[in-house]
C-alpha cells in the first residue's frame, strides 16, 4: 500500500486522526475482504502468490495462458479453436 504521501499530507494539514485513520482502516478492511477468504481456502497458494509478488518472481502467466482463459470464457476448447 502506498499511503506514505497521504500520511505526509495529513500530517501537514493536521488531519492525521480523521483522514488518515479512516483511509488506513478502509485499506485494511479491503485487504482483509479480498485476501482473507483465499488465505482460509488455499493457504499454500496464497503464500506462494504473496511471496512471489514480494520477491518479484514471475508467476508464469504469459500470452498462451491468457488466450486459453479467453477461449474458456467464450466456451471454446483448445481443439475447437484450431
N, C-alpha and C. Protein backbone atom coordinates (compact mmCIF):
# COMPACT_ATOMS: atom_id res chain seq x y z
N UNK A 1 0.84 -1.17 0.00
CA UNK A 1 0.00 0.00 0.00
C UNK A 1 0.88 1.23 0.00
N UNK A 2 0.49 2.20 -0.73
CA UNK A 2 1.25 3.45 -0.84
C UNK A 2 0.50 4.56 -0.12
N UNK A 3 0.51 4.50 1.18
CA UNK A 3 -0.19 5.52 1.97
C UNK A 3 0.77 6.58 2.48
N UNK A 4 2.03 6.49 2.12
CA UNK A 4 3.02 7.46 2.58
C UNK A 4 2.71 8.89 2.19
N UNK A 5 2.40 9.17 0.91
CA UNK A 5 2.07 10.55 0.54
C UNK A 5 0.85 11.09 1.28
N UNK A 6 -0.15 10.25 1.49
CA UNK A 6 -1.32 10.70 2.23
C UNK A 6 -0.97 11.00 3.68
N UNK A 7 -0.10 10.19 4.25
CA UNK A 7 0.35 10.43 5.62
C UNK A 7 1.03 11.79 5.73
N UNK A 8 1.89 12.11 4.78
CA UNK A 8 2.58 13.41 4.80
C UNK A 8 1.57 14.55 4.68
N UNK A 9 0.61 14.42 3.77
CA UNK A 9 -0.39 15.47 3.61
C UNK A 9 -1.24 15.64 4.86
N UNK A 10 -1.62 14.53 5.49
CA UNK A 10 -2.42 14.60 6.71
C UNK A 10 -1.62 15.21 7.86
N UNK A 11 -0.33 14.88 7.95
CA UNK A 11 0.50 15.48 8.99
C UNK A 11 0.63 16.99 8.80
N UNK A 12 0.81 17.40 7.56
CA UNK A 12 0.97 18.83 7.27
C UNK A 12 -0.33 19.58 7.48
N UNK A 13 -1.47 18.94 7.21
CA UNK A 13 -2.76 19.62 7.33
C UNK A 13 -3.42 19.44 8.68
N UNK A 14 -2.81 18.68 9.58
CA UNK A 14 -3.38 18.47 10.90
C UNK A 14 -4.60 17.57 10.91
N UNK A 15 -4.73 16.71 9.93
CA UNK A 15 -5.89 15.83 9.80
C UNK A 15 -5.51 14.37 10.00
N UNK A 16 -4.48 14.12 10.79
CA UNK A 16 -3.95 12.76 10.90
C UNK A 16 -4.99 11.78 11.42
N UNK A 17 -5.59 12.07 12.52
CA UNK A 17 -6.52 11.12 13.14
C UNK A 17 -7.76 10.93 12.28
N UNK A 18 -8.27 12.00 11.73
CA UNK A 18 -9.53 11.91 11.00
C UNK A 18 -9.34 11.29 9.60
N UNK A 19 -8.60 11.94 8.75
CA UNK A 19 -8.49 11.49 7.35
C UNK A 19 -7.63 10.25 7.19
N UNK A 20 -6.44 10.28 7.76
CA UNK A 20 -5.54 9.15 7.57
C UNK A 20 -6.06 7.91 8.28
N UNK A 21 -6.64 8.09 9.45
CA UNK A 21 -7.19 6.95 10.20
C UNK A 21 -8.30 6.25 9.43
N UNK A 22 -9.19 7.02 8.83
CA UNK A 22 -10.28 6.43 8.04
C UNK A 22 -9.75 5.71 6.81
N UNK A 23 -8.78 6.32 6.15
CA UNK A 23 -8.21 5.71 4.96
C UNK A 23 -7.46 4.43 5.29
N UNK A 24 -6.69 4.45 6.37
CA UNK A 24 -5.97 3.26 6.78
C UNK A 24 -6.92 2.13 7.17
N UNK A 25 -7.99 2.47 7.89
CA UNK A 25 -8.98 1.46 8.27
C UNK A 25 -9.67 0.87 7.04
N UNK A 26 -9.99 1.70 6.07
CA UNK A 26 -10.62 1.22 4.84
C UNK A 26 -9.68 0.33 4.04
N UNK A 27 -8.39 0.70 3.99
CA UNK A 27 -7.41 -0.12 3.25
C UNK A 27 -7.24 -1.48 3.90
N UNK A 28 -7.17 -1.51 5.22
CA UNK A 28 -7.02 -2.78 5.93
C UNK A 28 -8.27 -3.64 5.75
N UNK A 29 -9.45 -3.02 5.83
CA UNK A 29 -10.70 -3.76 5.64
C UNK A 29 -10.80 -4.34 4.22
N UNK A 30 -10.41 -3.56 3.23
CA UNK A 30 -10.44 -4.04 1.85
C UNK A 30 -9.47 -5.19 1.64
N UNK A 31 -8.27 -5.07 2.22
CA UNK A 31 -7.29 -6.14 2.10
C UNK A 31 -7.81 -7.43 2.73
N UNK A 32 -8.40 -7.31 3.92
CA UNK A 32 -8.94 -8.49 4.59
C UNK A 32 -10.11 -9.09 3.81
N UNK A 33 -10.96 -8.25 3.25
CA UNK A 33 -12.11 -8.73 2.49
C UNK A 33 -11.68 -9.53 1.26
N UNK A 34 -10.59 -9.11 0.64
CA UNK A 34 -10.12 -9.79 -0.57
C UNK A 34 -9.22 -10.98 -0.23
N UNK A 35 -8.28 -10.80 0.67
CA UNK A 35 -7.26 -11.83 0.91
C UNK A 35 -7.63 -12.89 1.93
N UNK A 36 -8.42 -12.54 2.92
CA UNK A 36 -8.72 -13.49 3.98
C UNK A 36 -9.45 -14.75 3.48
N UNK A 37 -10.46 -14.64 2.61
CA UNK A 37 -11.10 -15.87 2.11
C UNK A 37 -10.13 -16.78 1.35
N UNK A 38 -9.25 -16.20 0.56
CA UNK A 38 -8.27 -17.00 -0.18
C UNK A 38 -7.27 -17.63 0.78
N UNK A 39 -6.87 -16.89 1.79
CA UNK A 39 -5.95 -17.41 2.78
C UNK A 39 -6.56 -18.59 3.53
N UNK A 40 -7.84 -18.54 3.81
CA UNK A 40 -8.51 -19.62 4.53
C UNK A 40 -8.68 -20.85 3.65
N UNK A 41 -9.10 -20.64 2.39
CA UNK A 41 -9.39 -21.75 1.49
C UNK A 41 -8.12 -22.40 0.95
N UNK A 42 -7.16 -21.60 0.56
CA UNK A 42 -5.93 -22.12 -0.06
C UNK A 42 -4.71 -21.42 0.50
N UNK A 43 -4.32 -21.76 1.72
CA UNK A 43 -3.19 -21.04 2.33
C UNK A 43 -1.86 -21.22 1.59
N UNK A 44 -1.62 -22.39 1.03
CA UNK A 44 -0.34 -22.57 0.32
C UNK A 44 -0.30 -21.76 -0.97
N UNK A 45 -1.42 -21.70 -1.69
CA UNK A 45 -1.49 -20.88 -2.90
C UNK A 45 -1.36 -19.40 -2.59
N UNK A 46 -2.01 -18.97 -1.52
CA UNK A 46 -1.91 -17.57 -1.11
C UNK A 46 -0.48 -17.23 -0.73
N UNK A 47 0.17 -18.10 0.01
CA UNK A 47 1.55 -17.85 0.42
C UNK A 47 2.48 -17.81 -0.78
N UNK A 48 2.26 -18.69 -1.76
CA UNK A 48 3.09 -18.69 -2.95
C UNK A 48 2.92 -17.39 -3.72
N UNK A 49 1.68 -16.96 -3.91
CA UNK A 49 1.43 -15.71 -4.63
C UNK A 49 2.01 -14.52 -3.87
N UNK A 50 1.82 -14.49 -2.55
CA UNK A 50 2.30 -13.37 -1.75
C UNK A 50 3.83 -13.27 -1.78
N UNK A 51 4.51 -14.40 -1.65
CA UNK A 51 5.97 -14.36 -1.69
C UNK A 51 6.47 -14.07 -3.10
N UNK A 52 5.76 -14.54 -4.11
CA UNK A 52 6.16 -14.24 -5.50
C UNK A 52 6.01 -12.76 -5.79
N UNK A 53 4.93 -12.16 -5.31
CA UNK A 53 4.72 -10.74 -5.55
C UNK A 53 5.75 -9.90 -4.82
N UNK A 54 6.14 -10.31 -3.63
CA UNK A 54 7.11 -9.53 -2.85
C UNK A 54 8.52 -9.66 -3.39
N UNK A 55 8.87 -10.83 -3.92
CA UNK A 55 10.23 -11.04 -4.40
C UNK A 55 10.38 -10.73 -5.88
N UNK A 56 9.28 -10.50 -6.58
CA UNK A 56 9.34 -10.20 -8.00
C UNK A 56 9.48 -11.43 -8.86
N UNK A 57 9.26 -12.61 -8.29
CA UNK A 57 9.35 -13.85 -9.06
C UNK A 57 8.18 -13.93 -10.02
N UNK A 58 8.44 -14.37 -11.23
CA UNK A 58 7.39 -14.47 -12.24
C UNK A 58 6.49 -15.66 -11.93
N UNK A 59 5.18 -15.45 -12.06
CA UNK A 59 4.22 -16.49 -11.75
C UNK A 59 3.93 -17.40 -12.93
N UNK A 60 4.40 -17.08 -14.12
CA UNK A 60 4.24 -17.97 -15.25
C UNK A 60 3.03 -17.70 -16.12
N UNK A 61 2.36 -16.58 -15.97
CA UNK A 61 1.23 -16.25 -16.81
C UNK A 61 1.76 -15.51 -18.03
N UNK A 62 1.57 -16.10 -19.20
CA UNK A 62 2.03 -15.45 -20.41
C UNK A 62 0.89 -15.43 -21.42
N UNK A 63 1.19 -15.05 -22.66
CA UNK A 63 0.16 -14.88 -23.68
C UNK A 63 -0.58 -16.18 -23.96
N UNK A 64 0.07 -17.31 -23.91
CA UNK A 64 -0.58 -18.60 -24.16
C UNK A 64 -1.66 -18.84 -23.11
N UNK A 65 -1.35 -18.57 -21.86
CA UNK A 65 -2.33 -18.77 -20.80
C UNK A 65 -3.48 -17.78 -20.90
N UNK A 66 -3.20 -16.55 -21.28
CA UNK A 66 -4.25 -15.55 -21.42
C UNK A 66 -5.21 -15.96 -22.52
N UNK A 67 -4.70 -16.44 -23.63
CA UNK A 67 -5.59 -16.88 -24.72
C UNK A 67 -6.40 -18.10 -24.33
N UNK A 68 -5.82 -19.00 -23.56
CA UNK A 68 -6.57 -20.15 -23.08
C UNK A 68 -7.71 -19.70 -22.17
N UNK A 69 -7.46 -18.72 -21.34
CA UNK A 69 -8.52 -18.18 -20.47
C UNK A 69 -9.60 -17.49 -21.29
N UNK A 70 -9.20 -16.79 -22.35
CA UNK A 70 -10.18 -16.13 -23.22
C UNK A 70 -11.05 -17.16 -23.92
N UNK A 71 -10.44 -18.25 -24.40
CA UNK A 71 -11.22 -19.30 -25.06
C UNK A 71 -12.16 -19.97 -24.08
N UNK A 72 -11.70 -20.19 -22.87
CA UNK A 72 -12.55 -20.81 -21.87
C UNK A 72 -13.74 -19.92 -21.54
N UNK A 73 -13.52 -18.64 -21.51
CA UNK A 73 -14.61 -17.70 -21.25
C UNK A 73 -15.61 -17.65 -22.40
N UNK A 74 -15.15 -17.93 -23.61
CA UNK A 74 -16.03 -17.92 -24.79
C UNK A 74 -16.66 -19.29 -25.02
N UNK A 75 -16.35 -20.28 -24.17
CA UNK A 75 -16.93 -21.61 -24.31
C UNK A 75 -16.23 -22.48 -25.32
N UNK A 76 -15.04 -22.14 -25.75
CA UNK A 76 -14.29 -22.93 -26.70
C UNK A 76 -13.27 -23.79 -25.98
N UNK A 77 -12.94 -24.89 -26.58
CA UNK A 77 -11.87 -25.73 -26.06
C UNK A 77 -10.64 -25.50 -26.92
N UNK A 78 -9.52 -26.02 -26.50
CA UNK A 78 -8.28 -25.84 -27.26
C UNK A 78 -8.39 -26.49 -28.64
N UNK A 79 -9.05 -27.63 -28.74
CA UNK A 79 -9.13 -28.32 -30.03
C UNK A 79 -10.09 -27.62 -30.99
N UNK A 80 -11.16 -27.01 -30.49
CA UNK A 80 -12.12 -26.35 -31.37
C UNK A 80 -11.64 -25.00 -31.85
N UNK A 81 -10.63 -24.42 -31.20
CA UNK A 81 -10.12 -23.11 -31.58
C UNK A 81 -9.12 -23.20 -32.73
N UNK A 82 -8.62 -24.38 -33.03
CA UNK A 82 -7.60 -24.52 -34.08
C UNK A 82 -8.19 -24.54 -35.41
